[in-house]
C-alpha atoms as a PDB file:
ATOM      1  CA  MET A   1      56.896 -23.307 -39.766  1.00  0.00           C
ATOM      2  CA  LYS A   2      56.574 -24.910 -36.359  1.00  0.00           C
ATOM      3  CA  MET A   3      57.100 -28.666 -36.328  1.00  0.00           C
ATOM      4  CA  PHE A   4      55.135 -30.961 -34.024  1.00  0.00           C
ATOM      5  CA  PHE A   5      56.787 -34.329 -34.712  1.00  0.00           C
ATOM      6  CA  SER A   6      58.311 -34.759 -31.238  1.00  0.00           C
ATOM      7  CA  SER A   7      55.196 -33.853 -29.270  1.00  0.00           C
ATOM      8  CA  ASN A   8      52.929 -35.776 -31.647  1.00  0.00           C
ATOM      9  CA  ILE A   9      54.696 -39.137 -31.419  1.00  0.00           C
ATOM     10  CA  LYS A  10      54.841 -38.840 -27.639  1.00  0.00           C
ATOM     11  CA  PHE A  11      51.162 -37.892 -27.524  1.00  0.00           C
ATOM     12  CA  LEU A  12      50.118 -40.775 -29.792  1.00  0.00           C
ATOM     13  CA  ARG A  13      52.217 -43.269 -27.849  1.00  0.00           C
ATOM     14  CA  LYS A  14      50.639 -42.281 -24.551  1.00  0.00           C
ATOM     15  CA  ARG A  15      47.172 -42.119 -26.100  1.00  0.00           C
ATOM     16  CA  ARG A  16      47.600 -45.744 -27.162  1.00  0.00           C
ATOM     17  CA  ARG A  17      49.040 -46.629 -23.755  1.00  0.00           C
ATOM     18  CA  ARG A  18      52.345 -47.818 -25.173  1.00  0.00           C
ATOM     19  CA  THR A  19      55.661 -47.571 -23.378  1.00  0.00           C
ATOM     20  CA  GLN A  20      58.815 -46.323 -25.068  1.00  0.00           C
ATOM     21  CA  ASP A  21      60.072 -49.914 -25.001  1.00  0.00           C
ATOM     22  CA  ASP A  22      56.903 -51.076 -26.818  1.00  0.00           C
ATOM     23  CA  VAL A  23      57.249 -48.558 -29.641  1.00  0.00           C
ATOM     24  CA  ALA A  24      61.040 -48.833 -29.936  1.00  0.00           C
ATOM     25  CA  SER A  25      60.795 -52.618 -30.199  1.00  0.00           C
ATOM     26  CA  ALA A  26      58.048 -52.420 -32.845  1.00  0.00           C
ATOM     27  CA  LEU A  27      60.103 -49.970 -34.921  1.00  0.00           C
ATOM     28  CA  GLY A  28      63.404 -51.784 -34.476  1.00  0.00           C
ATOM     29  CA  MET A  29      65.239 -48.985 -32.671  1.00  0.00           C
ATOM     30  CA  LYS A  30      66.761 -48.426 -29.237  1.00  0.00           C
ATOM     31  CA  ARG A  31      64.607 -46.911 -26.514  1.00  0.00           C
ATOM     32  CA  SER A  32      67.170 -44.125 -26.090  1.00  0.00           C
ATOM     33  CA  THR A  33      66.802 -43.289 -29.796  1.00  0.00           C
ATOM     34  CA  LEU A  34      63.029 -43.032 -29.454  1.00  0.00           C
ATOM     35  CA  SER A  35      63.479 -40.883 -26.357  1.00  0.00           C
ATOM     36  CA  GLY A  36      65.688 -38.562 -28.375  1.00  0.00           C
ATOM     37  CA  TYR A  37      62.980 -38.144 -31.019  1.00  0.00           C
ATOM     38  CA  GLU A  38      60.294 -37.491 -28.408  1.00  0.00           C
ATOM     39  CA  ASN A  39      62.431 -34.909 -26.632  1.00  0.00           C
ATOM     40  CA  GLY A  40      63.413 -33.170 -29.842  1.00  0.00           C
ATOM     41  CA  VAL A  41      67.155 -33.738 -29.429  1.00  0.00           C
ATOM     42  CA  ALA A  42      67.341 -36.066 -32.447  1.00  0.00           C
ATOM     43  CA  GLN A  43      66.038 -35.306 -35.948  1.00  0.00           C
ATOM     44  CA  PRO A  44      64.369 -38.153 -37.859  1.00  0.00           C
ATOM     45  CA  GLY A  45      65.348 -39.082 -41.380  1.00  0.00           C
ATOM     46  CA  VAL A  46      62.903 -40.026 -44.129  1.00  0.00           C
ATOM     47  CA  SER A  47      62.971 -43.742 -43.270  1.00  0.00           C
ATOM     48  CA  VAL A  48      62.185 -42.957 -39.617  1.00  0.00           C
ATOM     49  CA  LEU A  49      59.295 -40.693 -40.588  1.00  0.00           C
ATOM     50  CA  VAL A  50      57.896 -43.441 -42.798  1.00  0.00           C
ATOM     51  CA  ALA A  51      58.207 -45.939 -39.946  1.00  0.00           C
ATOM     52  CA  PHE A  52      56.341 -43.731 -37.460  1.00  0.00           C
ATOM     53  CA  SER A  53      53.694 -42.924 -40.069  1.00  0.00           C
ATOM     54  CA  GLY A  54      53.072 -46.615 -40.664  1.00  0.00           C
ATOM     55  CA  TYR A  55      53.056 -47.486 -36.957  1.00  0.00           C
ATOM     56  CA  PHE A  56      50.493 -44.830 -35.974  1.00  0.00           C
ATOM     57  CA  ASN A  57      48.639 -44.875 -39.324  1.00  0.00           C
ATOM     58  CA  VAL A  58      49.033 -41.114 -39.544  1.00  0.00           C
ATOM     59  CA  ALA A  59      50.396 -39.280 -42.583  1.00  0.00           C
ATOM     60  CA  ILE A  60      53.909 -37.836 -42.372  1.00  0.00           C
ATOM     61  CA  ASP A  61      52.553 -34.350 -43.110  1.00  0.00           C
ATOM     62  CA  THR A  62      50.132 -34.704 -40.211  1.00  0.00           C
ATOM     63  CA  LEU A  63      52.848 -35.891 -37.821  1.00  0.00           C
ATOM     64  CA  ILE A  64      54.984 -32.898 -38.725  1.00  0.00           C
ATOM     65  CA  LYS A  65      52.551 -30.046 -39.368  1.00  0.00           C
ATOM     66  CA  VAL A  66      49.506 -30.608 -37.156  1.00  0.00           C
ATOM     67  CA  ASP A  67      49.449 -30.148 -33.392  1.00  0.00           C
ATOM     68  CA  LEU A  68      47.456 -33.261 -32.526  1.00  0.00           C
ATOM     69  CA  MET A  69      47.097 -32.226 -28.895  1.00  0.00           C
ATOM     70  CA  SER A  70      45.025 -29.236 -30.017  1.00  0.00           C
ATOM     71  CA  LEU A  71      42.420 -31.398 -31.785  1.00  0.00           C
ATOM     72  CA  ARG A  72      39.068 -32.323 -30.286  1.00  0.00           C
ATOM     73  CA  GLU A  73      38.263 -35.912 -29.390  1.00  0.00           C
ATOM     74  CA  SER A  74      35.937 -36.243 -32.383  1.00  0.00           C
ATOM     75  CA  GLN A  75      38.732 -35.114 -34.726  1.00  0.00           C
ATOM     76  CA  LEU A  76      41.252 -37.498 -33.163  1.00  0.00           C
ATOM     77  CA  SER A  77      38.753 -40.325 -33.420  1.00  0.00           C
ATOM     78  CA  GLN A  78      38.262 -39.649 -37.128  1.00  0.00           C
ATOM     79  CA  LEU A  79      42.007 -39.528 -37.681  1.00  0.00           C
ATOM     80  CA  GLU A  80      42.505 -42.840 -35.854  1.00  0.00           C
ATOM     81  CA  ASN A  81      39.744 -44.421 -37.925  1.00  0.00           C
ATOM     82  CA  GLY A  82      41.545 -43.663 -41.171  1.00  0.00           C
ATOM     83  CA  PHE A  83      40.178 -40.247 -42.121  1.00  0.00           C
ATOM     84  CA  ASP A  84      43.522 -38.473 -42.198  1.00  0.00           C
ATOM     85  CA  VAL A  85      43.039 -35.977 -45.017  1.00  0.00           C
ATOM     86  CA  PHE A  86      46.769 -35.757 -45.709  1.00  0.00           C
ATOM     87  CA  LEU A  87      46.666 -39.480 -46.488  1.00  0.00           C
ATOM     88  CA  LYS A  88      43.723 -38.723 -48.792  1.00  0.00           C
ATOM     89  CA  GLY A  89      45.721 -36.085 -50.629  1.00  0.00           C
ATOM     90  CA  SER A  90      43.519 -33.115 -49.783  1.00  0.00           C
ATOM     91  CA  GLY A  91      43.815 -30.042 -47.582  1.00  0.00           C
ATOM     92  CA  LEU A  92      43.315 -30.315 -43.858  1.00  0.00           C
ATOM     93  CA  ARG A  93      39.853 -29.318 -42.694  1.00  0.00           C
ATOM     94  CA  VAL A  94      40.101 -28.626 -38.985  1.00  0.00           C
ATOM     95  CA  LEU A  95      36.610 -28.272 -37.572  1.00  0.00           C
ATOM     96  CA  VAL A  96      35.975 -25.408 -35.174  1.00  0.00           C
ATOM     97  CA  SER A  97      34.012 -26.808 -32.255  1.00  0.00           C
ATOM     98  CA  THR A  98      32.925 -26.096 -28.686  1.00  0.00           C
ATOM     99  CA  VAL A  99      32.752 -28.256 -25.557  1.00  0.00           C
ATOM    100  CA  ASP A 100      30.796 -28.154 -22.303  1.00  0.00           C
ATOM    101  CA  SER A 101      32.186 -27.892 -18.780  1.00  0.00           C
ATOM    102  CA  ALA A 102      32.878 -31.656 -18.761  1.00  0.00           C
ATOM    103  CA  ASN A 103      34.834 -31.374 -22.042  1.00  0.00           C
ATOM    104  CA  ASN A 104      32.089 -33.126 -24.030  1.00  0.00           C
ATOM    105  CA  GLU A 105      31.449 -31.961 -27.574  1.00  0.00           C
ATOM    106  CA  ASN A 106      28.498 -29.597 -27.863  1.00  0.00           C
ATOM    107  CA  ILE A 107      25.963 -29.740 -30.658  1.00  0.00           C
ATOM    108  CA  GLU A 108      25.876 -26.195 -31.992  1.00  0.00           C
ATOM    109  CA  LEU A 109      22.603 -24.831 -33.353  1.00  0.00           C
ATOM    110  CA  VAL A 110      22.609 -22.814 -36.572  1.00  0.00           C
ATOM    111  CA  PRO A 111      19.198 -21.096 -36.748  1.00  0.00           C
ATOM    112  CA  GLU A 112      17.762 -19.758 -39.981  1.00  0.00           C
ATOM    113  CA  LYS A 113      18.831 -16.191 -39.230  1.00  0.00           C
ATOM    114  CA  ALA A 114      22.449 -17.342 -38.683  1.00  0.00           C
ATOM    115  CA  LYS A 115      22.790 -19.487 -41.816  1.00  0.00           C
ATOM    116  CA  ALA A 116      23.956 -16.662 -44.080  1.00  0.00           C
ATOM    117  CA  GLY A 117      26.789 -15.826 -41.708  1.00  0.00           C
ATOM    118  CA  TYR A 118      27.705 -19.464 -41.153  1.00  0.00           C
ATOM    119  CA  ALA A 119      28.998 -19.899 -44.715  1.00  0.00           C
ATOM    120  CA  THR A 120      31.758 -17.397 -43.945  1.00  0.00           C
ATOM    121  CA  GLY A 121      32.031 -17.815 -40.175  1.00  0.00           C
ATOM    122  CA  PHE A 122      32.143 -21.620 -39.933  1.00  0.00           C
ATOM    123  CA  SER A 123      35.933 -21.585 -39.434  1.00  0.00           C
ATOM    124  CA  ASP A 124      35.969 -18.609 -37.045  1.00  0.00           C
ATOM    125  CA  PRO A 125      36.165 -19.728 -33.379  1.00  0.00           C
ATOM    126  CA  GLU A 126      34.639 -16.440 -32.240  1.00  0.00           C
ATOM    127  CA  TYR A 127      31.623 -16.944 -34.496  1.00  0.00           C
ATOM    128  CA  VAL A 128      31.088 -20.611 -33.601  1.00  0.00           C
ATOM    129  CA  LYS A 129      31.301 -20.045 -29.848  1.00  0.00           C
ATOM    130  CA  GLU A 130      28.411 -17.568 -30.085  1.00  0.00           C
ATOM    131  CA  LEU A 131      26.052 -20.215 -31.489  1.00  0.00           C
ATOM    132  CA  PRO A 132      23.498 -21.773 -29.111  1.00  0.00           C
ATOM    133  CA  VAL A 133      24.465 -25.281 -27.960  1.00  0.00           C
ATOM    134  CA  PHE A 134      22.777 -28.362 -26.550  1.00  0.00           C
ATOM    135  CA  GLN A 135      23.406 -32.077 -25.936  1.00  0.00           C
ATOM    136  CA  LEU A 136      21.702 -35.263 -27.126  1.00  0.00           C
ATOM    137  CA  PRO A 137      22.830 -38.078 -24.823  1.00  0.00           C
ATOM    138  CA  PHE A 138      21.814 -40.841 -27.250  1.00  0.00           C
ATOM    139  CA  LEU A 139      24.357 -39.717 -29.874  1.00  0.00           C
ATOM    140  CA  SER A 140      27.951 -40.992 -29.903  1.00  0.00           C
ATOM    141  CA  ARG A 141      30.523 -38.916 -28.046  1.00  0.00           C
ATOM    142  CA  GLU A 142      33.115 -40.112 -30.553  1.00  0.00           C
ATOM    143  CA  LYS A 143      31.521 -38.150 -33.373  1.00  0.00           C
ATOM    144  CA  LYS A 144      30.812 -34.483 -34.034  1.00  0.00           C
ATOM    145  CA  TYR A 145      27.295 -33.220 -34.689  1.00  0.00           C
ATOM    146  CA  ARG A 146      25.751 -29.881 -35.588  1.00  0.00           C
ATOM    147  CA  THR A 147      22.107 -28.883 -36.072  1.00  0.00           C
ATOM    148  CA  PHE A 148      20.853 -26.562 -38.824  1.00  0.00           C
ATOM    149  CA  GLN A 149      17.410 -25.033 -39.269  1.00  0.00           C
ATOM    150  CA  ILE A 150      16.155 -25.512 -42.825  1.00  0.00           C
ATOM    151  CA  SER A 151      13.694 -23.375 -44.749  1.00  0.00           C
ATOM    152  CA  GLY A 152      11.637 -23.722 -47.901  1.00  0.00           C
ATOM    153  CA  ASP A 153       9.743 -26.624 -49.439  1.00  0.00           C
ATOM    154  CA  SER A 154      12.442 -28.309 -51.545  1.00  0.00           C
ATOM    155  CA  MET A 155      12.782 -31.184 -49.064  1.00  0.00           C
ATOM    156  CA  LEU A 156       9.100 -31.755 -48.310  1.00  0.00           C
ATOM    157  CA  PRO A 157       7.717 -33.735 -46.550  1.00  0.00           C
ATOM    158  CA  VAL A 158      10.484 -32.553 -44.156  1.00  0.00           C
ATOM    159  CA  PRO A 159       8.769 -29.260 -43.252  1.00  0.00           C
ATOM    160  CA  SER A 160      10.274 -25.804 -43.464  1.00  0.00           C
ATOM    161  CA  GLY A 161      11.605 -24.687 -40.091  1.00  0.00           C
ATOM    162  CA  SER A 162      12.761 -28.185 -39.089  1.00  0.00           C
ATOM    163  CA  TRP A 163      16.020 -28.637 -37.197  1.00  0.00           C
ATOM    164  CA  VAL A 164      18.245 -31.102 -39.060  1.00  0.00           C
ATOM    165  CA  THR A 165      21.154 -32.699 -37.202  1.00  0.00           C
ATOM    166  CA  GLY A 166      24.153 -33.944 -39.163  1.00  0.00           C
ATOM    167  CA  GLU A 167      27.373 -35.822 -38.396  1.00  0.00           C
ATOM    168  CA  PHE A 168      30.545 -34.067 -39.537  1.00  0.00           C
ATOM    169  CA  LEU A 169      32.182 -35.826 -42.497  1.00  0.00           C
ATOM    170  CA  GLN A 170      35.905 -35.312 -42.996  1.00  0.00           C
ATOM    171  CA  ASP A 171      36.501 -37.333 -46.158  1.00  0.00           C
ATOM    172  CA  TRP A 172      33.899 -36.285 -48.727  1.00  0.00           C
ATOM    173  CA  ARG A 173      34.783 -39.152 -51.035  1.00  0.00           C
ATOM    174  CA  THR A 174      33.050 -41.504 -48.593  1.00  0.00           C
ATOM    175  CA  ILE A 175      29.651 -39.874 -49.185  1.00  0.00           C
ATOM    176  CA  LYS A 176      27.238 -42.615 -50.213  1.00  0.00           C
ATOM    177  CA  THR A 177      25.065 -41.673 -53.136  1.00  0.00           C
ATOM    178  CA  GLY A 178      21.436 -41.314 -52.119  1.00  0.00           C
ATOM    179  CA  ILE A 179      21.876 -40.106 -48.549  1.00  0.00           C
ATOM    180  CA  PRO A 180      20.659 -36.702 -47.276  1.00  0.00           C
ATOM    181  CA  CYS A 181      23.349 -34.229 -46.224  1.00  0.00           C
ATOM    182  CA  ILE A 182      23.693 -30.672 -45.040  1.00  0.00           C
ATOM    183  CA  ILE A 183      26.147 -29.086 -47.489  1.00  0.00           C
ATOM    184  CA  VAL A 184      27.826 -25.807 -46.571  1.00  0.00           C
ATOM    185  CA  THR A 185      28.774 -24.057 -49.797  1.00  0.00           C
ATOM    186  CA  ARG A 186      30.801 -20.986 -50.601  1.00  0.00           C
ATOM    187  CA  ASP A 187      28.160 -19.400 -52.843  1.00  0.00           C
ATOM    188  CA  GLU A 188      24.782 -20.820 -51.791  1.00  0.00           C
ATOM    189  CA  GLY A 189      25.285 -21.025 -48.041  1.00  0.00           C
ATOM    190  CA  VAL A 190      23.725 -23.956 -46.187  1.00  0.00           C
ATOM    191  CA  VAL A 191      21.591 -26.405 -48.203  1.00  0.00           C
ATOM    192  CA  PHE A 192      19.889 -29.678 -47.264  1.00  0.00           C
ATOM    193  CA  LYS A 193      19.771 -32.155 -50.160  1.00  0.00           C
ATOM    194  CA  ILE A 194      20.003 -35.778 -51.268  1.00  0.00           C
ATOM    195  CA  VAL A 195      23.565 -36.180 -52.550  1.00  0.00           C
ATOM    196  CA  GLU A 196      24.832 -37.992 -55.629  1.00  0.00           C
ATOM    197  CA  ASN A 197      28.585 -38.459 -55.254  1.00  0.00           C
ATOM    198  CA  LYS A 198      30.475 -37.810 -58.494  1.00  0.00           C
ATOM    199  CA  LEU A 199      33.721 -36.607 -56.959  1.00  0.00           C
ATOM    200  CA  GLU A 200      35.836 -39.364 -58.484  1.00  0.00           C
ATOM    201  CA  GLU A 201      34.451 -38.935 -62.005  1.00  0.00           C
ATOM    202  CA  ASP A 202      33.702 -35.226 -62.291  1.00  0.00           C
ATOM    203  CA  LYS A 203      34.923 -33.624 -59.035  1.00  0.00           C
ATOM    204  CA  ASN A 204      31.411 -32.500 -58.194  1.00  0.00           C
ATOM    205  CA  LEU A 205      28.307 -33.425 -56.241  1.00  0.00           C
ATOM    206  CA  VAL A 206      24.819 -33.555 -57.719  1.00  0.00           C
ATOM    207  CA  LEU A 207      22.214 -32.263 -55.270  1.00  0.00           C
ATOM    208  CA  HIS A 208      18.646 -33.578 -55.439  1.00  0.00           C
ATOM    209  CA  SER A 209      15.494 -32.343 -53.697  1.00  0.00           C
ATOM    210  CA  LEU A 210      12.743 -34.590 -52.353  1.00  0.00           C
ATOM    211  CA  ASN A 211      10.215 -32.200 -53.866  1.00  0.00           C
ATOM    212  CA  PRO A 212      10.004 -33.163 -57.589  1.00  0.00           C
ATOM    213  CA  LEU A 213       9.297 -29.536 -58.528  1.00  0.00           C
ATOM    214  CA  TYR A 214      12.986 -28.783 -57.927  1.00  0.00           C
ATOM    215  CA  LYS A 215      15.488 -30.001 -60.502  1.00  0.00           C
ATOM    216  CA  PRO A 216      18.855 -31.524 -59.492  1.00  0.00           C
ATOM    217  CA  TYR A 217      21.950 -29.374 -59.906  1.00  0.00           C
ATOM    218  CA  GLN A 218      25.708 -29.824 -59.718  1.00  0.00           C
ATOM    219  CA  ILE A 219      28.132 -28.190 -57.341  1.00  0.00           C
ATOM    220  CA  SER A 220      31.904 -28.276 -57.674  1.00  0.00           C
ATOM    221  CA  ALA A 221      33.928 -29.808 -54.852  1.00  0.00           C
ATOM    222  CA  GLU A 222      35.875 -26.546 -54.710  1.00  0.00           C
ATOM    223  CA  ALA A 223      32.693 -24.719 -53.672  1.00  0.00           C
ATOM    224  CA  VAL A 224      31.974 -27.142 -50.806  1.00  0.00           C
ATOM    225  CA  GLN A 225      33.158 -26.080 -47.366  1.00  0.00           C
ATOM    226  CA  GLU A 226      31.593 -28.622 -45.007  1.00  0.00           C
ATOM    227  CA  VAL A 227      29.507 -31.802 -45.259  1.00  0.00           C
ATOM    228  CA  TRP A 228      27.230 -33.030 -42.459  1.00  0.00           C
ATOM    229  CA  VAL A 229      25.551 -36.408 -42.982  1.00  0.00           C
ATOM    230  CA  PHE A 230      21.881 -36.518 -41.969  1.00  0.00           C
ATOM    231  CA  VAL A 231      21.169 -38.106 -38.571  1.00  0.00           C
ATOM    232  CA  HIS A 232      17.647 -36.940 -37.710  1.00  0.00           C
ATOM    233  CA  TYR A 233      15.370 -33.927 -37.725  1.00  0.00           C
ATOM    234  CA  ILE A 234      13.145 -32.221 -35.163  1.00  0.00           C
ATOM    235  CA  SER A 235      10.029 -30.285 -36.130  1.00  0.00           C
ATOM    236  CA  ASN A 236       7.351 -28.388 -34.251  1.00  0.00           C
ATOM    237  CA  VAL A 237       4.876 -29.069 -37.056  1.00  0.00           C
ATOM    238  CA  MET A 238       2.356 -31.579 -35.712  1.00  0.00           C
ATOM    239  CA  PRO A 239      -0.116 -33.546 -37.824  1.00  0.00           C
ATOM    240  CA  ASP A 240      -3.790 -32.672 -37.547  1.00  0.00           C
ATOM    241  CA  SER A 241      -5.252 -34.253 -34.434  1.00  0.00           C
ATOM    242  CA  GLN A 242      -8.045 -35.723 -36.563  1.00  0.00           C
ATOM    243  CA  GLU A 243      -5.650 -37.329 -39.039  1.00  0.00           C
ATOM    244  CA  GLU A 244      -6.009 -41.081 -39.178  1.00  0.00           C
ATOM    245  CA  PRO A 245      -2.972 -43.225 -38.282  1.00  0.00           C
ATOM    246  CA  LYS A 246      -3.107 -44.705 -41.764  1.00  0.00           C
ATOM    247  CA  ALA A 247      -2.611 -41.240 -43.259  1.00  0.00           C
ATOM    248  CA  LEU A 248       0.513 -40.828 -41.136  1.00  0.00           C
ATOM    249  CA  GLU A 249       1.797 -44.157 -42.394  1.00  0.00           C
ATOM    250  CA  GLN A 250       1.140 -43.014 -45.954  1.00  0.00           C
ATOM    251  CA  THR A 251       3.119 -39.821 -45.332  1.00  0.00           C
ATOM    252  CA  VAL A 252       6.120 -41.806 -44.124  1.00  0.00           C
ATOM    253  CA  ALA A 253       5.753 -44.290 -46.977  1.00  0.00           C
ATOM    254  CA  GLY A 254       5.628 -41.405 -49.436  1.00  0.00           C
ATOM    255  CA  LEU A 255       8.886 -40.001 -48.067  1.00  0.00           C
ATOM    256  CA  GLN A 256      10.542 -43.398 -48.375  1.00  0.00           C
ATOM    257  CA  GLN A 257       9.251 -43.804 -51.924  1.00  0.00           C
ATOM    258  CA  GLU A 258      10.599 -40.392 -52.951  1.00  0.00           C
ATOM    259  CA  ILE A 259      14.066 -41.368 -51.701  1.00  0.00           C
ATOM    260  CA  LEU A 260      13.885 -44.705 -53.557  1.00  0.00           C
ATOM    261  CA  LEU A 261      12.907 -42.981 -56.806  1.00  0.00           C
ATOM    262  CA  ILE A 262      15.805 -40.543 -56.499  1.00  0.00           C
ATOM    263  CA  LYS A 263      18.204 -43.418 -55.871  1.00  0.00           C
ATOM    264  CA  GLU A 264      16.871 -45.280 -58.934  1.00  0.00           C
ATOM    265  CA  ARG A 265      17.329 -42.201 -61.133  1.00  0.00           C
ATOM    266  CA  MET A 266      20.912 -41.995 -59.928  1.00  0.00           C
ATOM    267  CA  GLY A 267      21.544 -45.703 -60.522  1.00  0.00           C
ATOM    268  CA  TRP A 268      22.262 -46.294 -56.814  1.00  0.00           C
ATOM    269  CA  ARG A 269      22.132 -49.838 -55.457  1.00  0.00           C
ATOM    270  CA  GLU A 270      22.418 -51.283 -51.914  1.00  0.00           C
END
């Protein structure tokens, strides 16, 4: 197995704009010793690995096994904000992504006809790079987004055919009960649901529809492949031109009420 410790600590130091003297002083070692680690001429012991892990807030496994220089900015940002999955005790989920000519993260589009293939191709760079892409300048460049076309009436009043944009979520345990998510599953493909987080208690998620005709159901964490937290949706379904503004307000209020009722049934509180 290839080890990336030397290149990773050098990369992280420079990314944080620290000199070798800065890091060596903080870790209580000589600058020449740090230089030896960065150049791969000295091998760190357990205590040294622990020290670097604590200084950069990156798990030892990550420092050793993951080539941090190969990660996208959105992935590095998540890691630096505490979402290191090795620290969480789960397997590494490296997101396959694409960028534009200026090295900005694209938002890939997964149309209805591509959803079946996405469940198996989501980790294949060749598959992902064939997806249509676009940009939304009002979204953060520090996060990763993807847009999925939904179908069916289980999430009405969000209409079938809508394009739902989600933010990639690395640590599934941080899912807040009651929020809508795009869940990519091994068996059911791509689904858009209100999520009840029961990972800590039962190692599963309970998925709820806005349409009361559809009953909630459980899905094991082992069957989940990706989670994208709802950001917004785009639809080409326009209200009737004769519809009164008050009716539009009632539609929005009805959607909000449905979400509140689901949250109450799940015992969710602000």
